[in-house]
Amino acid sequence: MACTILNIQASARHEGSVSRQLSDAVLEQLNADAIIVRDLTEGVALLTNDWLSANFTAPVDRGPKEREILALSDELISEIKSADTLVIGAPIYNFSVPAVLKAWIDQVARVGVTFKYTENGPVGLLSDKRVIIVLASGGTKVGSDIDFASGYLRHIMKFIGITNVTIIAADELGANADSKIAAAQSKIATLAYEGVAA
């Protein structure tokens, strides 16, 4: 069964980035048929008043200006829809996600497109997908009280409908980095391809 992976990278560092290195290891382990790469450090627009106005204009009423404003968001969401698995590589900066990753989240969390409101609360519209989140940190322990990245990312994925989430952590790399990276690599080695039913 064909497997398409969307690889999202958020580390400002390219050479020597642990999150990028481990994300590459995930890609090799899963052996995808196709990989879509989205390096967020190449630029993700922040939300603006014009973006919000365009987003809350009914699709049938949007003109060329509104469609142009939402073009990047549409493209990013299309990438998610095209993928069976998302592999998100991110460092933890100042206890949370990098600003570019938050900007990506703002672009893809769109009411009526990736989630909807119901009388019982919001419901995600993206399902039958898997997310593997690779986190690296210098001093923040993933899962601790000062980690505002892993829980947030898990919640956002559920918010848009994705509940199959695995977190690979190479954390507190300020000490004993080699052994912690090796432990993360061992966890990656246990990952298996999970097909999505047609």
N, C-alpha and C. Protein backbone atom coordinates (compact mmCIF):
# COMPACT_ATOMS: atom_id res chain seq x y z
N MET A 1 0.85 -1.19 0.00
CA MET A 1 0.00 0.00 0.00
C MET A 1 0.88 1.24 0.00
N ALA A 2 0.57 2.19 -0.84
CA ALA A 2 1.39 3.40 -0.96
C ALA A 2 1.32 4.21 0.33
N CYS A 3 2.43 4.86 0.64
CA CYS A 3 2.52 5.70 1.84
C CYS A 3 3.11 7.04 1.46
N THR A 4 2.41 8.11 1.79
CA THR A 4 2.92 9.46 1.57
C THR A 4 3.13 10.13 2.91
N ILE A 5 4.31 10.70 3.09
CA ILE A 5 4.65 11.38 4.34
C ILE A 5 4.82 12.87 4.07
N LEU A 6 4.24 13.67 4.95
CA LEU A 6 4.50 15.11 4.97
C LEU A 6 5.52 15.36 6.06
N ASN A 7 6.70 15.81 5.67
CA ASN A 7 7.79 16.08 6.60
C ASN A 7 7.86 17.58 6.87
N ILE A 8 7.54 17.97 8.08
CA ILE A 8 7.53 19.38 8.47
C ILE A 8 8.73 19.64 9.37
N GLN A 9 9.55 20.60 8.98
CA GLN A 9 10.74 20.93 9.75
C GLN A 9 10.65 22.35 10.29
N ALA A 10 10.98 22.52 11.58
CA ALA A 10 10.82 23.82 12.21
C ALA A 10 12.09 24.35 12.86
N SER A 11 13.17 23.59 12.82
CA SER A 11 14.40 24.05 13.47
C SER A 11 15.08 25.14 12.66
N ALA A 12 15.45 26.22 13.35
CA ALA A 12 16.18 27.30 12.69
C ALA A 12 17.58 26.83 12.29
N ARG A 13 18.06 25.82 12.96
CA ARG A 13 19.38 25.27 12.65
C ARG A 13 19.23 24.19 11.60
N HIS A 14 20.11 24.23 10.60
CA HIS A 14 20.11 23.19 9.57
C HIS A 14 21.24 22.20 9.84
N GLU A 15 22.45 22.68 9.88
CA GLU A 15 23.58 21.81 10.22
C GLU A 15 23.59 21.57 11.72
N GLY A 16 23.69 20.31 12.09
CA GLY A 16 23.78 19.99 13.52
C GLY A 16 22.46 19.96 14.26
N SER A 17 21.35 20.03 13.55
CA SER A 17 20.04 20.00 14.20
C SER A 17 19.66 18.57 14.58
N VAL A 18 19.43 18.34 15.86
CA VAL A 18 19.06 17.00 16.31
C VAL A 18 17.65 16.64 15.84
N SER A 19 16.73 17.60 15.87
CA SER A 19 15.36 17.29 15.43
C SER A 19 15.33 16.94 13.95
N ARG A 20 16.15 17.61 13.15
CA ARG A 20 16.22 17.27 11.72
C ARG A 20 16.86 15.91 11.51
N GLN A 21 17.93 15.64 12.25
CA GLN A 21 18.62 14.36 12.14
C GLN A 21 17.69 13.21 12.49
N LEU A 22 16.97 13.34 13.58
CA LEU A 22 16.08 12.26 14.01
C LEU A 22 14.86 12.14 13.10
N SER A 23 14.39 13.26 12.57
CA SER A 23 13.28 13.20 11.61
C SER A 23 13.70 12.42 10.37
N ASP A 24 14.92 12.65 9.91
CA ASP A 24 15.44 11.90 8.76
C ASP A 24 15.47 10.40 9.07
N ALA A 25 15.81 10.07 10.31
CA ALA A 25 15.84 8.66 10.70
C ALA A 25 14.44 8.05 10.67
N VAL A 26 13.44 8.85 11.06
CA VAL A 26 12.05 8.38 11.00
C VAL A 26 11.65 8.10 9.55
N LEU A 27 12.02 9.04 8.66
CA LEU A 27 11.68 8.86 7.25
C LEU A 27 12.31 7.60 6.68
N GLU A 28 13.56 7.35 7.05
CA GLU A 28 14.23 6.14 6.57
C GLU A 28 13.56 4.89 7.12
N GLN A 29 13.14 4.94 8.37
CA GLN A 29 12.52 3.78 9.00
C GLN A 29 11.18 3.45 8.35
N LEU A 30 10.40 4.48 8.01
CA LEU A 30 9.07 4.24 7.45
C LEU A 30 9.11 3.94 5.96
N ASN A 31 10.20 4.34 5.28
CA ASN A 31 10.39 3.98 3.87
C ASN A 31 9.18 4.35 3.01
N ALA A 32 8.85 5.63 3.00
CA ALA A 32 7.66 6.10 2.29
C ALA A 32 7.83 6.01 0.78
N ASP A 33 6.69 5.92 0.09
CA ASP A 33 6.70 5.94 -1.37
C ASP A 33 6.89 7.37 -1.88
N ALA A 34 6.39 8.34 -1.11
CA ALA A 34 6.51 9.75 -1.50
C ALA A 34 6.65 10.59 -0.24
N ILE A 35 7.49 11.61 -0.32
CA ILE A 35 7.70 12.51 0.81
C ILE A 35 7.50 13.95 0.35
N ILE A 36 6.60 14.65 1.03
CA ILE A 36 6.40 16.08 0.80
C ILE A 36 7.18 16.80 1.90
N VAL A 37 8.07 17.68 1.53
CA VAL A 37 8.88 18.39 2.51
C VAL A 37 8.40 19.84 2.63
N ARG A 38 8.15 20.25 3.86
CA ARG A 38 7.78 21.64 4.13
C ARG A 38 8.73 22.15 5.21
N ASP A 39 9.72 22.93 4.79
CA ASP A 39 10.67 23.54 5.73
C ASP A 39 10.11 24.90 6.12
N LEU A 40 9.62 25.00 7.32
CA LEU A 40 8.95 26.21 7.76
C LEU A 40 9.90 27.40 7.90
N THR A 41 11.19 27.11 8.00
CA THR A 41 12.15 28.23 8.12
C THR A 41 12.29 29.00 6.82
N GLU A 42 11.72 28.47 5.74
CA GLU A 42 11.74 29.20 4.47
C GLU A 42 10.64 30.26 4.42
N GLY A 43 9.79 30.28 5.44
CA GLY A 43 8.79 31.35 5.55
C GLY A 43 7.37 30.85 5.66
N VAL A 44 6.67 31.31 6.69
CA VAL A 44 5.24 31.06 6.87
C VAL A 44 4.63 32.38 7.31
N ALA A 45 3.66 32.85 6.56
CA ALA A 45 3.05 34.15 6.88
C ALA A 45 2.28 34.10 8.18
N LEU A 46 2.36 35.20 8.93
CA LEU A 46 1.57 35.33 10.14
C LEU A 46 0.16 35.77 9.77
N LEU A 47 -0.78 35.48 10.66
CA LEU A 47 -2.15 35.91 10.42
C LEU A 47 -2.26 37.44 10.51
N THR A 48 -3.08 37.99 9.65
CA THR A 48 -3.30 39.44 9.62
C THR A 48 -4.81 39.70 9.63
N ASN A 49 -5.17 40.96 9.75
CA ASN A 49 -6.58 41.33 9.69
C ASN A 49 -7.18 40.92 8.34
N ASP A 50 -6.42 41.13 7.26
CA ASP A 50 -6.91 40.75 5.93
C ASP A 50 -7.11 39.24 5.83
N TRP A 51 -6.21 38.46 6.44
CA TRP A 51 -6.34 37.00 6.41
C TRP A 51 -7.60 36.58 7.13
N LEU A 52 -7.82 37.14 8.31
CA LEU A 52 -9.01 36.78 9.08
C LEU A 52 -10.28 37.15 8.32
N SER A 53 -10.26 38.32 7.70
CA SER A 53 -11.42 38.76 6.93
C SER A 53 -11.70 37.81 5.77
N ALA A 54 -10.64 37.40 5.06
CA ALA A 54 -10.79 36.47 3.94
C ALA A 54 -11.28 35.11 4.42
N ASN A 55 -10.73 34.65 5.53
CA ASN A 55 -11.09 33.34 6.05
C ASN A 55 -12.56 33.27 6.45
N PHE A 56 -13.07 34.35 7.00
CA PHE A 56 -14.46 34.34 7.46
C PHE A 56 -15.44 34.87 6.41
N THR A 57 -14.93 35.06 5.20
CA THR A 57 -15.81 35.32 4.06
C THR A 57 -16.22 33.98 3.46
N ALA A 58 -17.50 33.79 3.25
CA ALA A 58 -17.97 32.51 2.69
C ALA A 58 -17.22 32.21 1.39
N PRO A 59 -16.80 30.95 1.17
CA PRO A 59 -16.04 30.61 -0.03
C PRO A 59 -16.67 31.11 -1.33
N VAL A 60 -17.98 31.05 -1.44
CA VAL A 60 -18.64 31.48 -2.68
C VAL A 60 -18.56 32.99 -2.87
N ASP A 61 -18.28 33.71 -1.80
CA ASP A 61 -18.22 35.17 -1.88
C ASP A 61 -16.79 35.70 -1.98
N ARG A 62 -15.81 34.82 -1.95
CA ARG A 62 -14.42 35.26 -2.01
C ARG A 62 -14.03 35.66 -3.43
N GLY A 63 -13.39 36.81 -3.51
CA GLY A 63 -12.89 37.28 -4.79
C GLY A 63 -11.43 36.92 -4.95
N PRO A 64 -10.79 37.40 -6.02
CA PRO A 64 -9.38 37.10 -6.26
C PRO A 64 -8.47 37.50 -5.09
N LYS A 65 -8.75 38.63 -4.45
CA LYS A 65 -7.92 39.09 -3.34
C LYS A 65 -7.99 38.11 -2.18
N GLU A 66 -9.20 37.70 -1.80
CA GLU A 66 -9.36 36.77 -0.68
C GLU A 66 -8.71 35.42 -0.99
N ARG A 67 -8.89 34.96 -2.22
CA ARG A 67 -8.30 33.67 -2.59
C ARG A 67 -6.78 33.73 -2.57
N GLU A 68 -6.23 34.85 -2.97
CA GLU A 68 -4.77 35.02 -2.94
C GLU A 68 -4.26 35.03 -1.51
N ILE A 69 -4.98 35.71 -0.63
CA ILE A 69 -4.57 35.79 0.77
C ILE A 69 -4.56 34.40 1.42
N LEU A 70 -5.52 33.57 1.05
CA LEU A 70 -5.65 32.24 1.64
C LEU A 70 -4.90 31.15 0.88
N ALA A 71 -4.19 31.54 -0.16
CA ALA A 71 -3.54 30.54 -1.03
C ALA A 71 -2.53 29.69 -0.27
N LEU A 72 -1.71 30.32 0.56
CA LEU A 72 -0.72 29.54 1.31
C LEU A 72 -1.40 28.59 2.28
N SER A 73 -2.40 29.08 2.99
CA SER A 73 -3.14 28.22 3.91
C SER A 73 -3.75 27.04 3.17
N ASP A 74 -4.35 27.29 2.03
CA ASP A 74 -4.94 26.21 1.23
C ASP A 74 -3.88 25.19 0.83
N GLU A 75 -2.70 25.68 0.45
CA GLU A 75 -1.62 24.79 0.04
C GLU A 75 -1.14 23.93 1.20
N LEU A 76 -0.97 24.54 2.37
CA LEU A 76 -0.50 23.80 3.54
C LEU A 76 -1.51 22.74 3.96
N ILE A 77 -2.79 23.08 3.90
CA ILE A 77 -3.83 22.12 4.25
C ILE A 77 -3.89 21.00 3.22
N SER A 78 -3.71 21.33 1.96
CA SER A 78 -3.69 20.32 0.91
C SER A 78 -2.56 19.32 1.14
N GLU A 79 -1.42 19.80 1.62
CA GLU A 79 -0.29 18.92 1.92
C GLU A 79 -0.67 17.91 3.01
N ILE A 80 -1.36 18.39 4.03
CA ILE A 80 -1.79 17.49 5.11
C ILE A 80 -2.76 16.45 4.56
N LYS A 81 -3.72 16.89 3.78
CA LYS A 81 -4.73 15.98 3.24
C LYS A 81 -4.10 14.93 2.32
N SER A 82 -3.02 15.30 1.65
CA SER A 82 -2.36 14.38 0.72
C SER A 82 -1.54 13.31 1.42
N ALA A 83 -1.24 13.52 2.69
CA ALA A 83 -0.34 12.63 3.42
C ALA A 83 -1.08 11.61 4.26
N ASP A 84 -0.47 10.44 4.38
CA ASP A 84 -0.96 9.42 5.31
C ASP A 84 -0.37 9.65 6.69
N THR A 85 0.88 10.12 6.71
CA THR A 85 1.61 10.33 7.96
C THR A 85 2.29 11.69 7.93
N LEU A 86 2.25 12.40 9.06
CA LEU A 86 2.99 13.64 9.22
C LEU A 86 4.17 13.37 10.14
N VAL A 87 5.35 13.80 9.75
CA VAL A 87 6.52 13.73 10.61
C VAL A 87 6.94 15.17 10.88
N ILE A 88 6.76 15.60 12.12
CA ILE A 88 7.05 16.98 12.51
C ILE A 88 8.30 17.00 13.35
N GLY A 89 9.33 17.67 12.85
CA GLY A 89 10.58 17.81 13.59
C GLY A 89 10.69 19.21 14.17
N ALA A 90 10.87 19.30 15.48
CA ALA A 90 10.90 20.62 16.09
C ALA A 90 11.78 20.63 17.33
N PRO A 91 12.56 21.69 17.48
CA PRO A 91 13.24 21.91 18.76
C PRO A 91 12.25 22.56 19.72
N ILE A 92 12.57 22.52 20.99
CA ILE A 92 11.81 23.28 21.97
C ILE A 92 12.60 24.56 22.24
N TYR A 93 12.00 25.68 21.87
CA TYR A 93 12.62 26.98 22.11
C TYR A 93 11.89 27.67 23.26
N ASN A 94 12.63 28.01 24.30
CA ASN A 94 12.03 28.74 25.43
C ASN A 94 10.76 28.06 25.92
N PHE A 95 10.87 26.74 26.06
CA PHE A 95 9.83 25.89 26.66
C PHE A 95 8.64 25.58 25.76
N SER A 96 8.64 26.07 24.52
CA SER A 96 7.50 25.84 23.64
C SER A 96 7.97 25.61 22.21
N VAL A 97 7.02 25.66 21.27
CA VAL A 97 7.35 25.40 19.87
C VAL A 97 7.96 26.63 19.22
N PRO A 98 8.75 26.46 18.17
CA PRO A 98 9.28 27.61 17.43
C PRO A 98 8.15 28.44 16.84
N ALA A 99 8.40 29.73 16.69
CA ALA A 99 7.37 30.64 16.16
C ALA A 99 6.88 30.21 14.79
N VAL A 100 7.77 29.66 13.96
CA VAL A 100 7.35 29.26 12.61
C VAL A 100 6.38 28.08 12.66
N LEU A 101 6.52 27.22 13.66
CA LEU A 101 5.59 26.10 13.79
C LEU A 101 4.23 26.59 14.26
N LYS A 102 4.23 27.56 15.16
CA LYS A 102 2.96 28.16 15.59
C LYS A 102 2.28 28.86 14.41
N ALA A 103 3.07 29.52 13.56
CA ALA A 103 2.51 30.19 12.38
C ALA A 103 1.88 29.16 11.44
N TRP A 104 2.52 28.00 11.28
CA TRP A 104 1.96 26.93 10.45
C TRP A 104 0.64 26.44 11.03
N ILE A 105 0.61 26.24 12.35
CA ILE A 105 -0.61 25.80 13.01
C ILE A 105 -1.74 26.80 12.76
N ASP A 106 -1.44 28.09 12.88
CA ASP A 106 -2.47 29.12 12.65
C ASP A 106 -2.99 29.07 11.22
N GLN A 107 -2.14 28.70 10.28
CA GLN A 107 -2.55 28.64 8.88
C GLN A 107 -3.41 27.41 8.58
N VAL A 108 -3.19 26.31 9.32
CA VAL A 108 -3.90 25.07 8.98
C VAL A 108 -5.09 24.77 9.87
N ALA A 109 -5.19 25.43 11.01
CA ALA A 109 -6.35 25.22 11.89
C ALA A 109 -7.44 26.20 11.46
N ARG A 110 -8.27 25.77 10.51
CA ARG A 110 -9.28 26.65 9.92
C ARG A 110 -10.68 26.07 10.08
N VAL A 111 -11.54 26.85 10.69
CA VAL A 111 -12.91 26.42 10.91
C VAL A 111 -13.59 26.15 9.57
N GLY A 112 -14.29 25.05 9.51
CA GLY A 112 -14.98 24.66 8.29
C GLY A 112 -14.10 23.93 7.30
N VAL A 113 -12.80 23.89 7.56
CA VAL A 113 -11.86 23.23 6.65
C VAL A 113 -11.16 22.06 7.35
N THR A 114 -10.55 22.33 8.50
CA THR A 114 -9.88 21.26 9.24
C THR A 114 -10.57 20.96 10.57
N PHE A 115 -11.51 21.80 10.97
CA PHE A 115 -12.34 21.51 12.14
C PHE A 115 -13.65 22.26 12.00
N LYS A 116 -14.64 21.83 12.78
CA LYS A 116 -15.93 22.51 12.78
C LYS A 116 -16.45 22.60 14.20
N TYR A 117 -17.32 23.57 14.42
CA TYR A 117 -17.96 23.70 15.72
C TYR A 117 -19.29 22.97 15.71
N THR A 118 -19.59 22.25 16.78
CA THR A 118 -20.86 21.58 16.95
C THR A 118 -21.42 21.95 18.32
N GLU A 119 -22.64 21.51 18.59
CA GLU A 119 -23.23 21.81 19.89
C GLU A 119 -22.49 21.12 21.02
N ASN A 120 -21.67 20.12 20.66
CA ASN A 120 -20.87 19.41 21.66
C ASN A 120 -19.41 19.85 21.67
N GLY A 121 -19.14 20.96 20.97
CA GLY A 121 -17.77 21.46 20.92
C GLY A 121 -17.13 21.23 19.56
N PRO A 122 -15.86 21.64 19.41
CA PRO A 122 -15.19 21.49 18.12
C PRO A 122 -14.92 20.04 17.77
N VAL A 123 -14.98 19.74 16.47
CA VAL A 123 -14.71 18.40 15.96
C VAL A 123 -13.72 18.51 14.81
N GLY A 124 -12.63 17.74 14.88
CA GLY A 124 -11.63 17.75 13.82
C GLY A 124 -12.15 17.07 12.56
N LEU A 125 -11.72 17.57 11.42
CA LEU A 125 -12.19 17.04 10.13
C LEU A 125 -11.14 16.21 9.41
N LEU A 126 -9.95 16.11 9.97
CA LEU A 126 -8.90 15.30 9.35
C LEU A 126 -8.74 14.02 10.19
N SER A 127 -8.87 12.89 9.55
CA SER A 127 -8.78 11.64 10.29
C SER A 127 -8.02 10.62 9.45
N ASP A 128 -7.88 9.42 10.00
CA ASP A 128 -7.14 8.34 9.32
C ASP A 128 -5.73 8.77 8.96
N LYS A 129 -5.14 9.57 9.83
CA LYS A 129 -3.75 9.99 9.64
C LYS A 129 -2.96 9.72 10.91
N ARG A 130 -1.68 9.66 10.73
CA ARG A 130 -0.77 9.40 11.84
C ARG A 130 0.21 10.57 11.92
N VAL A 131 0.58 10.93 13.14
CA VAL A 131 1.57 11.99 13.33
C VAL A 131 2.69 11.47 14.22
N ILE A 132 3.91 11.68 13.77
CA ILE A 132 5.09 11.38 14.58
C ILE A 132 5.80 12.71 14.82
N ILE A 133 5.88 13.10 16.08
CA ILE A 133 6.49 14.37 16.45
C ILE A 133 7.86 14.10 17.05
N VAL A 134 8.89 14.69 16.46
CA VAL A 134 10.25 14.54 16.95
C VAL A 134 10.64 15.84 17.64
N LEU A 135 10.88 15.76 18.94
CA LEU A 135 11.23 16.95 19.72
C LEU A 135 12.65 16.84 20.26
N ALA A 136 13.36 17.95 20.20
CA ALA A 136 14.70 18.02 20.79
C ALA A 136 14.77 19.25 21.68
N SER A 137 15.44 19.09 22.82
CA SER A 137 15.57 20.24 23.72
C SER A 137 16.93 20.22 24.41
N GLY A 138 17.37 21.39 24.76
CA GLY A 138 18.64 21.49 25.49
C GLY A 138 18.46 21.26 26.97
N GLY A 139 17.39 21.82 27.54
CA GLY A 139 17.22 21.72 28.99
C GLY A 139 15.82 21.39 29.45
N THR A 140 14.85 21.36 28.54
CA THR A 140 13.47 21.08 28.92
C THR A 140 13.18 19.59 28.82
N LYS A 141 12.70 19.02 29.90
CA LYS A 141 12.32 17.60 29.88
C LYS A 141 10.92 17.48 29.29
N VAL A 142 10.79 16.71 28.23
CA VAL A 142 9.49 16.52 27.59
C VAL A 142 8.55 15.80 28.55
N GLY A 143 7.36 16.37 28.72
CA GLY A 143 6.39 15.82 29.65
C GLY A 143 6.42 16.45 31.02
N SER A 144 7.38 17.34 31.25
CA SER A 144 7.48 17.99 32.55
C SER A 144 6.57 19.22 32.61
N ASP A 145 6.51 19.84 33.79
CA ASP A 145 5.65 21.01 33.98
C ASP A 145 6.10 22.20 33.15
N ILE A 146 7.34 22.22 32.71
CA ILE A 146 7.83 23.36 31.93
C ILE A 146 7.86 23.07 30.42
N ASP A 147 7.32 21.93 30.05
CA ASP A 147 7.21 21.57 28.62
C ASP A 147 5.85 22.03 28.10
N PHE A 148 5.86 23.12 27.33
CA PHE A 148 4.63 23.64 26.75
C PHE A 148 4.56 23.34 25.25
N ALA A 149 5.36 22.37 24.82
CA ALA A 149 5.41 22.01 23.40
C ALA A 149 4.67 20.70 23.11
N SER A 150 5.02 19.63 23.80
CA SER A 150 4.49 18.32 23.44
C SER A 150 2.98 18.23 23.65
N GLY A 151 2.51 18.69 24.80
CA GLY A 151 1.07 18.64 25.06
C GLY A 151 0.29 19.51 24.11
N TYR A 152 0.85 20.67 23.78
CA TYR A 152 0.20 21.59 22.85
C TYR A 152 0.09 20.97 21.47
N LEU A 153 1.17 20.38 20.98
CA LEU A 153 1.15 19.76 19.66
C LEU A 153 0.19 18.58 19.62
N ARG A 154 0.17 17.77 20.67
CA ARG A 154 -0.76 16.65 20.72
C ARG A 154 -2.20 17.16 20.69
N HIS A 155 -2.47 18.24 21.44
CA HIS A 155 -3.82 18.80 21.48
C HIS A 155 -4.23 19.36 20.12
N ILE A 156 -3.32 20.08 19.46
CA ILE A 156 -3.63 20.66 18.15
C ILE A 156 -3.95 19.56 17.14
N MET A 157 -3.18 18.49 17.16
CA MET A 157 -3.44 17.39 16.24
C MET A 157 -4.83 16.80 16.48
N LYS A 158 -5.19 16.59 17.75
CA LYS A 158 -6.52 16.09 18.08
C LYS A 158 -7.59 17.09 17.66
N PHE A 159 -7.30 18.37 17.81
CA PHE A 159 -8.25 19.44 17.47
C PHE A 159 -8.63 19.38 15.99
N ILE A 160 -7.68 19.01 15.12
CA ILE A 160 -7.99 18.92 13.70
C ILE A 160 -8.33 17.49 13.27
N GLY A 161 -8.43 16.59 14.26
CA GLY A 161 -8.95 15.25 13.98
C GLY A 161 -7.96 14.11 14.01
N ILE A 162 -6.70 14.38 14.33
CA ILE A 162 -5.67 13.33 14.30
C ILE A 162 -5.35 12.90 15.73
N THR A 163 -5.69 11.66 16.04
CA THR A 163 -5.48 11.16 17.41
C THR A 163 -4.34 10.16 17.52
N ASN A 164 -3.86 9.67 16.39
CA ASN A 164 -2.75 8.70 16.38
C ASN A 164 -1.44 9.48 16.36
N VAL A 165 -0.95 9.80 17.56
CA VAL A 165 0.22 10.66 17.71
C VAL A 165 1.31 9.95 18.51
N THR A 166 2.50 9.92 17.97
CA THR A 166 3.67 9.37 18.66
C THR A 166 4.68 10.48 18.84
N ILE A 167 5.25 10.58 20.04
CA ILE A 167 6.28 11.59 20.30
C ILE A 167 7.61 10.89 20.54
N ILE A 168 8.59 11.30 19.76
CA ILE A 168 9.97 10.85 19.94
C ILE A 168 10.75 12.01 20.54
N ALA A 169 11.29 11.83 21.73
CA ALA A 169 11.96 12.94 22.41
C ALA A 169 13.44 12.67 22.62
N ALA A 170 14.23 13.66 22.25
CA ALA A 170 15.64 13.71 22.62
C ALA A 170 15.77 14.99 23.44
N ASP A 171 15.53 14.86 24.73
CA ASP A 171 15.41 16.06 25.56
C ASP A 171 16.58 16.19 26.55
N GLU A 172 16.67 17.39 27.10
CA GLU A 172 17.74 17.71 28.07
C GLU A 172 19.12 17.33 27.52
N LEU A 173 19.36 17.77 26.29
CA LEU A 173 20.60 17.40 25.61
C LEU A 173 21.81 18.16 26.13
N GLY A 174 21.58 19.06 27.08
CA GLY A 174 22.70 19.79 27.67
C GLY A 174 23.65 18.87 28.42
N ALA A 175 23.18 17.68 28.76
CA ALA A 175 24.03 16.70 29.45
C ALA A 175 23.76 15.32 28.86
N ASN A 176 24.81 14.56 28.66
CA ASN A 176 24.70 13.18 28.14
C ASN A 176 23.91 13.11 26.83
N ALA A 177 24.23 14.03 25.93
CA ALA A 177 23.47 14.12 24.68
C ALA A 177 23.55 12.85 23.86
N ASP A 178 24.72 12.24 23.77
CA ASP A 178 24.87 11.06 22.91
C ASP A 178 23.95 9.93 23.33
N SER A 179 23.85 9.68 24.63
CA SER A 179 23.02 8.58 25.11
C SER A 179 21.55 8.88 24.89
N LYS A 180 21.16 10.13 24.98
CA LYS A 180 19.76 10.50 24.80
C LYS A 180 19.35 10.44 23.32
N ILE A 181 20.28 10.83 22.46
CA ILE A 181 20.01 10.69 21.03
C ILE A 181 19.93 9.22 20.65
N ALA A 182 20.81 8.40 21.22
CA ALA A 182 20.79 6.97 20.96
C ALA A 182 19.48 6.34 21.42
N ALA A 183 18.96 6.80 22.55
CA ALA A 183 17.69 6.27 23.05
C ALA A 183 16.54 6.64 22.11
N ALA A 184 16.58 7.86 21.59
CA ALA A 184 15.56 8.27 20.63
C ALA A 184 15.66 7.45 19.35
N GLN A 185 16.88 7.18 18.90
CA GLN A 185 17.07 6.37 17.71
C GLN A 185 16.56 4.95 17.92
N SER A 186 16.72 4.42 19.12
CA SER A 186 16.22 3.08 19.43
C SER A 186 14.69 3.04 19.35
N LYS A 187 14.05 4.10 19.82
CA LYS A 187 12.59 4.18 19.73
C LYS A 187 12.15 4.28 18.27
N ILE A 188 12.89 5.05 17.49
CA ILE A 188 12.57 5.19 16.06
C ILE A 188 12.66 3.83 15.36
N ALA A 189 13.63 3.03 15.77
CA ALA A 189 13.83 1.71 15.14
C ALA A 189 12.64 0.79 15.36
N THR A 190 11.78 1.09 16.33
CA THR A 190 10.62 0.25 16.58
C THR A 190 9.39 0.70 15.81
N LEU A 191 9.48 1.86 15.14
CA LEU A 191 8.33 2.37 14.39
C LEU A 191 8.07 1.47 13.20
N ALA A 192 6.81 1.30 12.90
CA ALA A 192 6.41 0.51 11.74
C ALA A 192 5.45 1.31 10.89
N TYR A 193 5.45 1.00 9.62
CA TYR A 193 4.50 1.65 8.71
C TYR A 193 3.08 1.24 9.09
N GLU A 194 2.19 2.21 9.18
CA GLU A 194 0.78 1.93 9.44
C GLU A 194 -0.02 2.37 8.24
N GLY A 195 -0.55 1.44 7.49
CA GLY A 195 -1.34 1.76 6.31
C GLY A 195 -2.68 2.34 6.68
N VAL A 196 -3.21 3.16 5.79
CA VAL A 196 -4.54 3.74 5.98
C VAL A 196 -5.50 2.98 5.07
N ALA A 197 -6.57 2.49 5.63
CA ALA A 197 -7.54 1.73 4.85
C ALA A 197 -8.13 2.56 3.73
N ALA A 198 -8.23 1.96 2.56
CA ALA A 198 -8.77 2.68 1.40
C ALA A 198 -10.28 2.78 1.50
